[in-house]
Amino acid sequence: MLTERQIIGTFCWRKGTRMANVYGYVRVSTRDQNEDRQMIALQELNIPEKNIYMDKQSGKDFDRPMYKRLLRRLKPDDLVYIKSIDRLGRNYEEILEQWRILTKEKRVDIVVLDMPLLDTRRGKDLMGTFLSDIVLQVLSFVAENERTNIRQRQAEGIAAAKARGVRFGRPPAPLPANFHSVYQRWKAGKITGLVAARECGMPMSTFRYRADVYEKAKLL
């Protein structure tokens, strides 16, 4: 009897009266994130390279053109492999919605490699479906909760670093050569802030911000 890997290696698998295709989907959240872990897992199943779809999209840009292309190609009874459940979406609702689209609208099977219980080919009876739905919802919630915790830890780390005096972003442009003299005249009330900003070649808001920083630095 052929193993699952050997069946997939033939580029398709028989289900009912047609040969169903096998696909893999990979998503990384940024163009710098490494997709090797997901790709290796799919390649070990001998899924044809042309049947593996990969998106590199940031959290803000979730258009996912390759995922949409995969959806258009899917036919009922096809099989889709993903490495982990959070590859389907950014949050709890989105993961559940994509699962519904794949299993109900597209009528394809899904296998989540990191969680063998999430394999829609097994447990097609009412109890099996019920258990799969519970596992899916729990894992989707855990995936979203973990991302929330990561963002919170990042925010706390940045806040702590700022409290220690660590600066983020671009370094400020150097002050113009006349800034000190202009600042002194403005501080003495001899010129307005608008005139001072114009003489320094910067917007009013920038002049006031730089003047505030300059004053605090003098007090240190």
Protein backbone atom coordinates (compact mmCIF):
# COMPACT_ATOMS: atom_id res chain seq x y z
CA MET A 1 0.00 0.00 0.00
CA LEU A 2 1.28 3.46 -0.87
CA THR A 3 2.15 5.78 1.98
CA GLU A 4 0.69 9.28 2.18
CA ARG A 5 4.02 10.73 1.07
CA GLN A 6 4.10 8.46 -1.99
CA ILE A 7 0.55 9.37 -2.88
CA ILE A 8 1.34 13.09 -2.64
CA GLY A 9 4.48 12.49 -4.67
CA THR A 10 2.31 11.58 -7.67
CA PHE A 11 1.05 15.22 -7.62
CA CYS A 12 -2.51 14.18 -6.80
CA TRP A 13 -4.53 11.75 -4.75
CA ARG A 14 -7.68 9.83 -5.55
CA LYS A 15 -10.86 10.82 -3.79
CA GLY A 16 -14.14 9.61 -5.15
CA THR A 17 -14.13 9.54 -8.95
CA ARG A 18 -11.52 12.24 -9.59
CA MET A 19 -7.85 12.75 -8.92
CA ALA A 20 -7.69 15.55 -6.36
CA ASN A 21 -4.71 17.90 -6.34
CA VAL A 22 -2.45 18.50 -3.34
CA TYR A 23 -1.28 22.02 -2.44
CA GLY A 24 0.79 23.74 0.21
CA TYR A 25 0.51 27.29 1.52
CA VAL A 26 3.27 29.31 3.18
CA ARG A 27 3.00 32.77 4.72
CA VAL A 28 5.60 34.93 6.43
CA SER A 29 4.67 38.28 7.90
CA THR A 30 7.57 40.34 6.49
CA ARG A 31 9.95 40.07 3.56
CA ASP A 32 12.82 39.57 6.01
CA GLN A 33 11.25 36.65 7.87
CA ASN A 34 12.64 33.25 6.89
CA GLU A 35 10.17 30.83 5.33
CA ASP A 36 12.53 27.81 5.39
CA ARG A 37 10.78 26.01 8.27
CA GLN A 38 7.47 25.99 6.44
CA MET A 39 8.96 25.16 3.04
CA ILE A 40 11.00 22.22 4.37
CA ALA A 41 7.91 20.72 6.01
CA LEU A 42 5.97 20.88 2.73
CA GLN A 43 8.85 19.67 0.58
CA GLU A 44 9.26 16.62 2.82
CA LEU A 45 5.76 15.63 1.68
CA ASN A 46 6.93 15.81 -1.95
CA ILE A 47 4.34 18.44 -2.82
CA PRO A 48 5.22 19.75 -6.29
CA GLU A 49 6.89 23.15 -6.17
CA LYS A 50 4.30 24.55 -8.60
CA ASN A 51 1.60 23.62 -6.08
CA ILE A 52 3.19 25.52 -3.18
CA TYR A 53 1.95 29.09 -2.83
CA MET A 54 3.85 31.59 -0.69
CA ASP A 55 3.03 35.13 0.46
CA LYS A 56 5.40 37.57 2.12
CA GLN A 57 3.12 40.27 3.46
CA SER A 58 3.38 42.64 6.38
CA GLY A 59 0.72 42.79 9.05
CA LYS A 60 -0.60 46.05 7.65
CA ASP A 61 -0.77 44.75 4.08
CA PHE A 62 -2.73 41.51 4.17
CA ASP A 63 -3.78 41.37 0.53
CA ARG A 64 -2.05 37.96 0.04
CA PRO A 65 -2.13 37.64 -3.77
CA MET A 66 -0.76 34.09 -3.81
CA TYR A 67 -3.37 32.89 -1.33
CA LYS A 68 -6.09 34.37 -3.52
CA ARG A 69 -4.58 32.62 -6.52
CA LEU A 70 -4.62 29.34 -4.59
CA LEU A 71 -8.30 29.84 -3.70
CA ARG A 72 -9.17 30.35 -7.37
CA ARG A 73 -7.37 27.14 -8.30
CA LEU A 74 -8.89 24.90 -5.62
CA LYS A 75 -11.53 22.35 -6.61
CA PRO A 76 -13.75 20.25 -4.32
CA ASP A 77 -11.86 17.39 -2.62
CA ASP A 78 -8.43 18.98 -3.18
CA LEU A 79 -6.04 18.85 -0.22
CA VAL A 80 -4.22 21.84 1.33
CA TYR A 81 -1.31 21.56 3.77
CA ILE A 82 -0.20 24.39 6.07
CA LYS A 83 2.51 24.30 8.71
CA SER A 84 0.55 25.98 11.51
CA ILE A 85 -2.96 27.33 11.97
CA ASP A 86 -1.89 31.00 12.24
CA ARG A 87 -0.77 30.93 8.58
CA LEU A 88 -4.44 31.29 7.62
CA GLY A 89 -4.96 34.73 9.17
CA ARG A 90 -3.87 37.53 11.43
CA ASN A 91 -6.45 37.05 14.15
CA TYR A 92 -9.03 34.70 15.64
CA GLU A 93 -11.95 35.77 13.43
CA GLU A 94 -9.91 35.72 10.24
CA ILE A 95 -8.52 32.23 10.86
CA LEU A 96 -12.01 30.84 11.48
CA GLU A 97 -13.38 32.63 8.41
CA GLN A 98 -10.68 31.26 6.11
CA TRP A 99 -11.21 27.78 7.53
CA ARG A 100 -14.92 28.11 6.76
CA ILE A 101 -14.23 29.30 3.20
CA LEU A 102 -11.87 26.40 2.52
CA THR A 103 -13.93 23.63 4.07
CA LYS A 104 -17.49 24.83 3.37
CA GLU A 105 -17.33 26.99 0.25
CA LYS A 106 -14.39 25.39 -1.54
CA ARG A 107 -15.08 21.95 -0.01
CA VAL A 108 -11.41 21.06 0.24
CA ASP A 109 -9.55 19.16 2.96
CA ILE A 110 -6.98 20.87 5.20
CA VAL A 111 -4.08 19.36 7.13
CA VAL A 112 -2.29 21.44 9.78
CA LEU A 113 1.12 19.82 10.18
CA ASP A 114 1.81 21.21 13.66
CA MET A 115 -1.51 19.90 14.94
CA PRO A 116 -2.47 16.40 13.68
CA LEU A 117 -5.97 16.75 15.17
CA LEU A 118 -6.67 19.41 12.53
CA ASP A 119 -6.92 17.04 9.59
CA THR A 120 -10.33 17.23 7.94
CA ARG A 121 -9.81 13.91 6.15
CA ARG A 122 -10.32 12.18 9.48
CA GLY A 123 -13.37 12.19 11.69
CA LYS A 124 -15.97 13.08 9.08
CA ASP A 125 -18.75 11.96 11.42
CA LEU A 126 -20.59 14.40 13.69
CA MET A 127 -18.37 13.75 16.73
CA GLY A 128 -15.16 14.06 14.71
CA THR A 129 -16.31 17.35 13.20
CA PHE A 130 -17.36 18.63 16.63
CA LEU A 131 -13.96 17.83 18.15
CA SER A 132 -12.11 19.39 15.20
CA ASP A 133 -14.15 22.58 15.55
CA ILE A 134 -13.31 22.82 19.27
CA VAL A 135 -9.59 22.27 18.62
CA LEU A 136 -9.66 24.84 15.79
CA GLN A 137 -11.26 27.52 17.92
CA VAL A 138 -8.91 26.92 20.84
CA LEU A 139 -5.80 27.01 18.65
CA SER A 140 -7.00 30.10 16.77
CA PHE A 141 -7.52 31.90 20.08
CA VAL A 142 -4.11 30.79 21.36
CA ALA A 143 -2.42 31.98 18.13
CA GLU A 144 -4.02 35.42 18.37
CA ASN A 145 -3.34 35.69 22.10
CA GLU A 146 0.34 34.90 21.54
CA ARG A 147 0.65 37.62 18.89
CA THR A 148 -1.04 40.07 21.27
CA ASN A 149 1.42 39.14 24.02
CA ILE A 150 4.36 39.57 21.64
CA ARG A 151 3.18 43.06 20.65
CA GLN A 152 2.70 43.97 24.31
CA ARG A 153 6.19 42.75 25.22
CA GLN A 154 7.64 44.73 22.32
CA ALA A 155 5.80 47.88 23.41
CA GLU A 156 6.95 47.43 27.01
CA GLY A 157 10.51 46.87 25.84
CA ILE A 158 10.46 50.03 23.73
CA ALA A 159 8.99 52.06 26.61
CA ALA A 160 11.67 50.75 28.99
CA ALA A 161 14.41 51.54 26.48
CA LYS A 162 13.09 55.08 26.01
CA ALA A 163 13.05 55.52 29.79
CA ARG A 164 16.76 54.60 29.78
CA GLY A 165 17.39 57.25 27.15
CA VAL A 166 17.59 54.95 24.12
CA ARG A 167 16.46 56.81 21.01
CA PHE A 168 14.61 55.19 18.12
CA GLY A 169 14.24 56.30 14.54
CA ARG A 170 16.42 58.71 12.62
CA PRO A 171 18.81 60.95 14.54
CA PRO A 172 17.63 64.58 14.51
CA ALA A 173 19.17 66.92 11.95
CA PRO A 174 21.95 69.13 13.36
CA LEU A 175 20.89 72.54 14.61
CA PRO A 176 21.55 75.44 12.23
CA ALA A 177 24.61 77.56 13.04
CA ASN A 178 22.45 80.52 14.10
CA PHE A 179 20.18 78.51 16.37
CA HIS A 180 21.80 79.62 19.64
CA SER A 181 21.60 83.34 18.86
CA VAL A 182 18.04 83.03 17.52
CA TYR A 183 17.03 80.99 20.55
CA GLN A 184 18.44 83.64 22.92
CA ARG A 185 16.57 86.45 21.17
CA TRP A 186 13.34 84.43 21.15
CA LYS A 187 13.76 83.48 24.82
CA ALA A 188 14.31 87.14 25.72
CA GLY A 189 11.10 88.07 23.93
CA LYS A 190 12.85 90.11 21.25
CA ILE A 191 11.37 88.09 18.38
CA THR A 192 8.33 85.91 17.98
CA GLY A 193 8.45 82.18 17.58
CA LEU A 194 7.32 82.52 13.98
CA VAL A 195 10.24 84.83 13.17
CA ALA A 196 12.68 82.57 15.04
CA ALA A 197 11.46 79.52 13.12
CA ARG A 198 11.78 81.36 9.80
CA GLU A 199 15.33 82.48 10.59
CA CYS A 200 16.28 78.89 11.47
CA GLY A 201 14.64 77.53 8.33
CA MET A 202 12.27 75.17 10.09
CA PRO A 203 8.52 74.88 10.80
CA MET A 204 7.19 76.58 13.89
CA SER A 205 6.39 73.26 15.61
CA THR A 206 9.90 71.97 14.93
CA PHE A 207 11.51 75.13 16.30
CA ARG A 208 9.51 74.93 19.53
CA TYR A 209 10.35 71.23 19.92
CA ARG A 210 14.07 71.78 19.26
CA ALA A 211 14.08 74.81 21.57
CA ASP A 212 12.52 72.72 24.35
CA VAL A 213 15.14 69.97 23.89
CA TYR A 214 17.89 72.60 23.71
CA GLU A 215 16.74 74.18 26.96
CA LYS A 216 16.57 70.86 28.79
CA ALA A 217 20.04 69.95 27.56
CA LYS A 218 21.43 73.21 28.98
CA LEU A 219 20.00 72.33 32.39
CA LEU A 220 21.75 68.94 32.53
